[in-house]
Structures are given as C-alpha cells and as structure tokens.
Amino acid sequence: MPSFVKFLLFLGVVAVAIATLTRFKAIQRSANSGLYGIRVPRYGTSDPLLQQAFATNDVDAIKRRLSQIPRSEIRRNVVDILANGPTAKSLDAILSAGWDPHGSRRDDGPLIGAVSRGDVQVIGVLLRHGVSPNSTGPGGQPPVLFEAVRGPAGQPSPNSAATVLCLLDHGAKPDIEYKPAKPMPDYPSTTRPLIEAAKTANYDAMKVLLEHGADPNWTPPGGAPAIIAAGGSLDTPRLTAILLEHGARADATGTLRRLLSEWRFETITAPALYFDAEDGDAQSVKVLLSHGADPYVKASNGKTAIEAARGDALTYFRSHANTQSNRDYRIIHR
C-alpha cells in the first residue's frame, strides 16, 4: 500500500477519534440539561439555572429565576421532589411563590414522607405554609402523628421525638383518635398516639406526648391503656415509670389477647400488674407495687398477679413473702 494512502487512513482515524472525543465532551457538558441537547427534568424543572438554585438552596437565585421563566417550566411534582431531600429552603421558596404545599396529588404526601423520615426542617416548612398537623393520608391512613410515634413498619425514626414535638407545636392534637376502616378482628377499633408509642416502646415520643397533655389513662373500647400496652419490652419498667409520673393509675385494667400455645389465644381482662407478672417482668412489678398496685386483684380468668407470676416476677414475690402483713402470700410458695 502506497505511503500516501496509509497517511490518509491515519488522518481519517485521527479525525474520527477527535470527533468522538468532542461529542463525548459535549454530552458531558449537557448532562445537567439532557443528552444531545434534550433538557432532563431535575428537582421538578427542566431549567438548568433553576435546577442549580434548587440544588444549592439558593433562595435569592430561585426567586430571581422564578420571575424570569414561565410557570410551565416547572412540573406539578416540584413540591413532592423538594420535600423529599435536603432542600427545605428551596421548598420554602417555591411554596412562597404560590405552589401547593399539599403535593401534586393533594393528599399531603410530602408531609407524610417527611414525618416518616423524621425531617423536621421540611415538616416545619410545610406546616408553616398551611398543611394541617392533623392531616390524614390517602386511603384512610391514620393522622401523621401516628406515623411520627410508630414509624414505618413499627420502627420509629431516630428523630421521632423531635418530629412529634414539631407537630404538636404546630397544633397537632396529642389525643387525636384513629379508627381504621377495617379494624382487625378481636383488636380495639380505636387508638391514640400514646397507645401506639407505648406499643413500640417509643419512650421519647411518649414523654413529649405526656408533657403536651396526652391522657395516660385513656382506654380504647375492648382494649388496654398505655400502661398495659407498654408491657412485654425491655423498656417496660421505664415506660411504666414515666406513665405513672404523669398520672397513670397503677391499678389500671385492660383487655389483651394472650397466646396460650400454638394457635390458641385467651382474651384476658386484668390489671397492668397481672400482665407484667405473667411476663416475668420483676422490675415493672416492683414499680407498680411501689405505686400502690394490688397483687390480689383477680383477672377475668380468676387468677391474681401472684398466681400468674413467672420467672423473675415470681422470684420477686417470693422474696417479699415474709415482709407483707395482713395478706396471705402462701400461694407464692407453689
């Protein structure tokens, strides 16, 4: 092959390489606004300057750009997107410009998501712009305060107490009730945030609710008050103590379904002391007795707390048998 042909082939290869590299760099430069010059929506807009302002929470730049572009440049879901990231200031700016704080579906999805994550900044912004702190989600979901105390799948967020406090400070009702459209069989048809906080052993949320006036003695029809709902966890003694400090009755009674054996349940109405003794929770038994709980009150099955006691709770009763007066403790020597 003649040398000049080789040279032409070489130049062709170099030209193709340069063109490819140039195109690649052009694609990189336009990444924020889309491949091949097509602008890709980010933060609910296709406008690159507004995207940058949202990304950096630059409120002045957001206000300036909003005055320069048509409203059609911003998508309906902009509030949903900004409420779902570290863009609380950008969210505040877009809401101040007139966007709907209830979200694109008007179902308060932005607030529900922020409460689920424990994002207090976003929650505060949405509440200041008119979203109700007692809002319920779509499909008969409970008020957002329930989401704050029990979290997704019964796992409260680490920021749960601050979330509850934020909602309460903006007008959430500490004793708001929730009635599921289809309650589970044999379970109470009504509940309150304090009951749910007790069930999930959310001590910090319970403390905030109690300090804001939640009733520690409220009992749902066919259910149990918080001092009984708090049973069965490693934190029960601490939960019991704070409820008693805020006026819970040590002799409060309630109804629970207890597992007897595989597929066998028993519905029992009894005092808190009975259930803690049956769980073998000596520390909670001690706390309740020190606040006047009576170990001789009979449950609906005819047993007292002493007769139902197991494990450490039974040991505790036995160790105190000789220190009691005017009571028959012989039963604990079984």
Protein backbone atom coordinates (compact mmCIF):
# COMPACT_ATOMS: atom_id res chain seq x y z
CA MET A 1 0.00 0.00 0.00
CA PRO A 2 1.41 3.38 -1.01
CA SER A 3 2.60 5.57 1.83
CA PHE A 4 0.24 8.43 0.95
CA VAL A 5 -2.75 6.04 1.26
CA LYS A 6 -1.51 4.98 4.68
CA PHE A 7 -1.18 8.64 5.61
CA LEU A 8 -4.76 9.35 4.51
CA LEU A 9 -6.03 6.39 6.54
CA PHE A 10 -4.12 7.67 9.55
CA LEU A 11 -5.67 11.13 9.17
CA GLY A 12 -9.11 9.53 8.92
CA VAL A 13 -8.64 7.58 12.14
CA VAL A 14 -7.40 10.71 13.94
CA ALA A 15 -10.39 12.71 12.65
CA VAL A 16 -12.85 10.09 13.85
CA ALA A 17 -11.16 9.99 17.27
CA ILE A 18 -11.26 13.77 17.60
CA ALA A 19 -14.92 13.90 16.57
CA THR A 20 -15.83 11.17 19.03
CA LEU A 21 -13.96 12.88 21.85
CA THR A 22 -15.55 16.23 21.04
CA ARG A 23 -19.02 14.68 21.04
CA PHE A 24 -18.35 12.91 24.32
CA LYS A 25 -17.29 16.16 25.98
CA ALA A 26 -20.39 17.89 24.62
CA ILE A 27 -22.55 15.18 26.11
CA GLN A 28 -20.81 15.61 29.47
CA ARG A 29 -21.32 19.39 29.39
CA SER A 30 -25.03 18.95 28.67
CA ALA A 31 -25.58 16.22 31.27
CA ASN A 32 -27.49 18.54 33.57
CA SER A 33 -29.82 19.54 30.79
CA GLY A 34 -30.04 16.21 29.00
CA LEU A 35 -28.28 14.09 26.44
CA TYR A 36 -27.86 15.52 22.96
CA GLY A 37 -29.29 18.87 23.99
CA ILE A 38 -32.54 17.49 25.42
CA ARG A 39 -33.09 19.04 28.85
CA VAL A 40 -33.74 16.45 31.55
CA PRO A 41 -36.04 17.43 34.45
CA ARG A 42 -34.34 17.57 37.84
CA TYR A 43 -35.88 18.95 41.02
CA GLY A 44 -39.15 19.22 39.12
CA THR A 45 -37.90 21.52 36.36
CA SER A 46 -36.03 21.39 33.07
CA ASP A 47 -34.48 24.80 33.56
CA PRO A 48 -30.73 24.36 34.31
CA LEU A 49 -30.38 27.60 36.27
CA LEU A 50 -33.35 26.80 38.49
CA GLN A 51 -32.05 23.26 38.95
CA GLN A 52 -28.75 24.66 40.20
CA ALA A 53 -30.53 27.07 42.53
CA PHE A 54 -32.66 24.27 43.97
CA ALA A 55 -29.64 22.01 44.42
CA THR A 56 -27.77 24.66 46.42
CA ASN A 57 -30.80 26.03 48.32
CA ASP A 58 -30.02 29.46 46.85
CA VAL A 59 -33.25 31.27 47.76
CA ASP A 60 -32.34 34.56 46.04
CA ALA A 61 -31.46 32.76 42.80
CA ILE A 62 -34.71 30.79 42.99
CA LYS A 63 -36.78 33.94 43.39
CA ARG A 64 -34.92 35.64 40.55
CA ARG A 65 -35.30 32.69 38.19
CA LEU A 66 -38.99 32.20 39.00
CA SER A 67 -39.61 35.76 37.88
CA GLN A 68 -37.85 35.08 34.55
CA ILE A 69 -39.36 31.80 33.36
CA PRO A 70 -42.96 30.76 32.66
CA ARG A 71 -44.73 28.61 35.22
CA SER A 72 -44.96 25.84 32.63
CA GLU A 73 -41.19 25.29 33.05
CA ILE A 74 -41.92 23.79 36.47
CA ARG A 75 -43.63 20.44 36.88
CA ARG A 76 -46.59 19.71 39.14
CA ASN A 77 -44.49 17.40 41.33
CA VAL A 78 -41.89 20.01 42.25
CA VAL A 79 -43.14 20.20 45.86
CA ASP A 80 -43.07 16.40 46.22
CA ILE A 81 -39.47 16.32 45.00
CA LEU A 82 -38.14 19.22 47.07
CA ALA A 83 -39.86 17.84 50.19
CA ASN A 84 -38.01 14.55 49.72
CA GLY A 85 -34.43 15.78 50.02
CA PRO A 86 -32.08 18.26 51.74
CA THR A 87 -33.82 21.15 50.01
CA ALA A 88 -36.02 22.62 52.75
CA LYS A 89 -35.04 26.22 51.87
CA SER A 90 -35.81 25.63 48.21
CA LEU A 91 -39.14 24.12 49.23
CA ASP A 92 -39.92 27.19 51.31
CA ALA A 93 -39.10 29.44 48.35
CA ILE A 94 -41.32 27.55 45.88
CA LEU A 95 -44.20 27.46 48.35
CA SER A 96 -43.81 31.19 48.98
CA ALA A 97 -44.21 31.65 45.22
CA GLY A 98 -47.63 30.02 45.34
CA TRP A 99 -47.15 26.28 44.77
CA ASP A 100 -49.48 23.88 46.56
CA PRO A 101 -47.96 22.55 49.84
CA HIS A 102 -50.29 19.52 49.74
CA GLY A 103 -48.36 17.96 46.85
CA SER A 104 -49.17 17.06 43.27
CA ARG A 105 -51.96 14.66 44.31
CA ARG A 106 -53.22 16.96 47.06
CA ASP A 107 -53.01 14.10 49.55
CA ASP A 108 -50.36 15.61 51.85
CA GLY A 109 -47.86 13.06 50.58
CA PRO A 110 -44.94 15.49 51.11
CA LEU A 111 -45.79 15.85 54.83
CA ILE A 112 -46.35 12.13 55.33
CA GLY A 113 -42.99 11.34 53.73
CA ALA A 114 -41.17 13.96 55.80
CA VAL A 115 -42.74 12.67 59.03
CA SER A 116 -41.80 9.10 58.12
CA ARG A 117 -38.15 10.17 57.66
CA GLY A 118 -38.14 12.48 60.69
CA ASP A 119 -37.19 15.50 58.56
CA VAL A 120 -38.14 18.27 60.98
CA GLN A 121 -37.00 21.08 58.67
CA VAL A 122 -39.29 20.01 55.84
CA ILE A 123 -42.14 19.33 58.27
CA GLY A 124 -41.83 22.85 59.68
CA VAL A 125 -41.84 24.41 56.20
CA LEU A 126 -44.96 22.52 55.12
CA LEU A 127 -46.84 23.28 58.34
CA ARG A 128 -45.96 26.98 58.13
CA HIS A 129 -47.44 27.03 54.63
CA GLY A 130 -50.79 25.71 55.77
CA VAL A 131 -50.66 21.92 55.81
CA SER A 132 -52.64 20.59 58.77
CA PRO A 133 -50.62 18.88 61.54
CA ASN A 134 -53.65 16.59 61.96
CA SER A 135 -53.65 15.60 58.30
CA THR A 136 -54.57 12.07 57.27
CA GLY A 137 -53.11 10.41 54.23
CA PRO A 138 -54.94 8.82 51.30
CA GLY A 139 -56.93 5.63 51.66
CA GLY A 140 -57.92 6.09 55.28
CA GLN A 141 -54.40 6.31 56.68
CA PRO A 142 -54.05 7.49 60.29
CA PRO A 143 -53.16 11.10 61.13
CA VAL A 144 -49.48 11.91 60.65
CA LEU A 145 -48.87 11.98 64.42
CA PHE A 146 -49.28 8.19 64.39
CA GLU A 147 -46.60 7.90 61.71
CA ALA A 148 -44.32 10.04 63.89
CA VAL A 149 -44.63 7.85 67.01
CA ARG A 150 -44.54 4.40 65.44
CA GLY A 151 -42.72 4.93 62.14
CA PRO A 152 -42.87 2.75 59.04
CA ALA A 153 -43.43 -0.93 59.89
CA GLY A 154 -43.38 -0.11 63.61
CA GLN A 155 -39.83 1.27 63.54
CA PRO A 156 -39.80 4.90 64.77
CA SER A 157 -37.20 7.17 63.21
CA PRO A 158 -34.24 8.26 65.39
CA ASN A 159 -35.73 11.76 65.19
CA SER A 160 -39.15 10.63 66.35
CA ALA A 161 -39.40 12.79 69.49
CA ALA A 162 -38.39 15.95 67.61
CA THR A 163 -40.92 15.11 64.89
CA VAL A 164 -43.70 14.66 67.44
CA LEU A 165 -42.72 17.90 69.15
CA CYS A 166 -42.75 19.80 65.85
CA LEU A 167 -46.24 18.54 65.02
CA LEU A 168 -47.56 19.32 68.49
CA ASP A 169 -46.04 22.82 68.46
CA HIS A 170 -47.92 23.48 65.22
CA GLY A 171 -51.26 22.35 66.60
CA ALA A 172 -51.40 18.56 66.37
CA LYS A 173 -53.84 17.07 68.89
CA PRO A 174 -51.97 14.80 71.33
CA ASP A 175 -55.10 12.68 71.87
CA ILE A 176 -56.29 12.53 68.27
CA GLU A 177 -58.05 9.23 67.62
CA TYR A 178 -57.82 6.90 64.67
CA LYS A 179 -60.49 4.40 63.69
CA PRO A 180 -59.38 2.06 60.89
CA ALA A 181 -62.00 1.50 58.21
CA LYS A 182 -61.43 -2.25 58.60
CA PRO A 183 -60.21 -2.96 62.15
CA MET A 184 -58.57 -6.30 62.83
CA PRO A 185 -60.82 -8.89 64.49
CA ASP A 186 -60.51 -9.06 68.30
CA TYR A 187 -58.47 -5.84 68.39
CA PRO A 188 -59.60 -2.37 69.55
CA SER A 189 -61.31 -0.38 66.82
CA THR A 190 -59.88 2.92 68.09
CA THR A 191 -56.40 4.01 69.13
CA ARG A 192 -54.41 7.11 70.07
CA PRO A 193 -50.78 8.18 69.57
CA LEU A 194 -49.81 7.45 73.20
CA ILE A 195 -51.04 3.87 72.89
CA GLU A 196 -49.03 3.39 69.70
CA ALA A 197 -45.91 4.93 71.26
CA ALA A 198 -46.30 2.53 74.20
CA LYS A 199 -46.65 -0.48 71.88
CA THR A 200 -43.44 0.43 70.03
CA ALA A 201 -41.60 1.29 73.29
CA ASN A 202 -41.00 4.81 71.97
CA TYR A 203 -40.08 6.38 75.31
CA ASP A 204 -39.04 9.80 73.98
CA ALA A 205 -42.24 10.23 71.97
CA MET A 206 -44.31 9.14 74.97
CA LYS A 207 -42.59 11.72 77.13
CA VAL A 208 -43.33 14.51 74.65
CA LEU A 209 -46.97 13.45 74.30
CA LEU A 210 -47.47 13.29 78.06
CA GLU A 211 -45.86 16.70 78.54
CA HIS A 212 -48.33 18.08 76.00
CA GLY A 213 -51.36 16.71 77.80
CA ALA A 214 -51.96 13.23 76.41
CA ASP A 215 -54.27 11.25 78.71
CA PRO A 216 -52.28 8.36 80.24
CA ASN A 217 -55.46 6.59 81.42
CA TRP A 218 -57.50 6.56 78.22
CA THR A 219 -58.57 3.04 77.33
CA PRO A 220 -59.92 2.09 73.90
CA PRO A 221 -63.16 0.10 73.91
CA GLY A 222 -62.23 -3.53 74.32
CA GLY A 223 -58.53 -2.67 74.66
CA ALA A 224 -55.91 -1.59 77.17
CA PRO A 225 -54.45 1.70 78.41
CA ALA A 226 -50.88 2.74 77.67
CA ILE A 227 -49.51 1.28 80.92
CA ILE A 228 -50.60 -2.18 79.73
CA ALA A 229 -49.81 -1.59 76.05
CA ALA A 230 -46.23 -0.80 77.12
CA GLY A 231 -45.73 -4.32 78.51
CA GLY A 232 -43.54 -7.02 77.07
CA SER A 233 -40.47 -4.98 76.10
CA LEU A 234 -37.08 -4.47 77.70
CA ASP A 235 -38.06 -0.84 78.25
CA THR A 236 -41.33 -1.60 80.06
CA PRO A 237 -40.09 -0.53 83.54
CA ARG A 238 -39.02 2.88 82.19
CA LEU A 239 -42.22 3.29 80.17
CA THR A 240 -44.29 2.32 83.22
CA ALA A 241 -42.45 4.78 85.42
CA ILE A 242 -42.97 7.79 83.15
CA LEU A 243 -46.65 6.97 82.72
CA LEU A 244 -47.07 6.80 86.50
CA GLU A 245 -45.22 10.11 86.88
CA HIS A 246 -47.78 11.73 84.58
CA GLY A 247 -50.83 10.36 86.36
CA ALA A 248 -51.39 6.87 85.04
CA ARG A 249 -53.22 4.63 87.52
CA ALA A 250 -51.14 1.77 88.88
CA ASP A 251 -54.27 -0.39 89.15
CA ALA A 252 -55.49 0.33 85.60
CA THR A 253 -57.12 -2.63 83.90
CA GLY A 254 -57.41 -3.55 80.25
CA THR A 255 -58.07 -6.40 77.85
CA LEU A 256 -55.41 -8.27 75.85
CA ARG A 257 -55.26 -11.40 73.74
CA ARG A 258 -52.59 -13.68 75.19
CA LEU A 259 -51.02 -16.59 73.35
CA LEU A 260 -51.51 -19.82 75.31
CA SER A 261 -49.97 -22.20 72.80
CA GLU A 262 -49.72 -22.55 69.05
CA TRP A 263 -52.93 -21.17 67.52
CA ARG A 264 -54.56 -20.86 70.95
CA PHE A 265 -55.33 -17.48 72.43
CA GLU A 266 -57.04 -16.30 75.58
CA THR A 267 -58.67 -12.90 75.95
CA ILE A 268 -57.95 -11.63 79.46
CA THR A 269 -59.11 -8.53 81.29
CA ALA A 270 -56.69 -7.75 84.11
CA PRO A 271 -54.63 -5.03 85.81
CA ALA A 272 -51.23 -3.99 84.49
CA LEU A 273 -49.58 -5.84 87.40
CA TYR A 274 -51.07 -9.13 86.24
CA PHE A 275 -49.68 -8.84 82.71
CA ASP A 276 -46.21 -7.74 83.87
CA ALA A 277 -46.10 -10.57 86.43
CA GLU A 278 -47.12 -13.08 83.77
CA ASP A 279 -44.33 -11.71 81.53
CA GLY A 280 -41.86 -12.29 84.38
CA ASP A 281 -41.00 -8.57 84.48
CA ALA A 282 -39.86 -8.11 88.07
CA GLN A 283 -38.75 -4.50 87.60
CA SER A 284 -42.14 -3.39 86.30
CA VAL A 285 -43.86 -5.36 89.07
CA LYS A 286 -41.71 -3.54 91.61
CA VAL A 287 -42.54 -0.14 90.10
CA LEU A 288 -46.29 -0.85 90.10
CA LEU A 289 -46.30 -2.21 93.67
CA SER A 290 -44.43 0.88 94.88
CA HIS A 291 -47.26 2.98 93.43
CA GLY A 292 -49.99 1.02 95.19
CA ALA A 293 -50.93 -1.74 92.73
CA ASP A 294 -52.82 -4.57 94.46
CA PRO A 295 -51.40 -8.07 93.70
CA TYR A 296 -54.65 -9.70 94.87
CA VAL A 297 -56.98 -8.25 92.25
CA LYS A 298 -58.30 -11.10 90.12
CA ALA A 299 -58.22 -11.15 86.36
CA SER A 300 -61.14 -12.34 84.25
CA ASN A 301 -59.67 -15.86 84.35
CA GLY A 302 -59.86 -15.89 88.15
CA LYS A 303 -56.10 -15.57 88.77
CA THR A 304 -54.25 -12.87 90.68
CA ALA A 305 -50.92 -11.38 89.64
CA ILE A 306 -49.20 -13.59 92.21
CA GLU A 307 -50.78 -16.74 90.77
CA ALA A 308 -49.90 -15.71 87.20
CA ALA A 309 -46.34 -14.65 88.03
CA ARG A 310 -43.45 -16.31 86.22
CA GLY A 311 -39.67 -16.13 86.21
CA ASP A 312 -38.13 -13.13 87.92
CA ALA A 313 -41.53 -11.75 88.89
CA LEU A 314 -42.35 -14.94 90.82
CA THR A 315 -38.92 -14.81 92.47
CA TYR A 316 -39.59 -11.20 93.47
CA PHE A 317 -42.94 -12.09 95.06
CA ARG A 318 -41.36 -14.99 96.92
CA SER A 319 -38.52 -12.85 98.24
CA HIS A 320 -41.03 -10.41 99.70
CA ALA A 321 -43.42 -13.01 101.15
CA ASN A 322 -42.25 -12.52 104.71
CA THR A 323 -42.33 -8.73 104.58
CA GLN A 324 -46.08 -8.43 103.94
CA SER A 325 -48.72 -8.00 106.59
CA ASN A 326 -52.45 -8.79 106.62
CA ARG A 327 -52.16 -10.72 103.35
CA ASP A 328 -51.93 -14.39 102.56
CA TYR A 329 -48.80 -14.98 100.46
CA ARG A 330 -48.88 -18.76 100.72
CA ILE A 331 -49.79 -19.02 97.07
CA ILE A 332 -46.31 -17.94 96.02
CA HIS A 333 -44.76 -21.00 97.60
CA ARG A 334 -46.18 -23.20 94.86
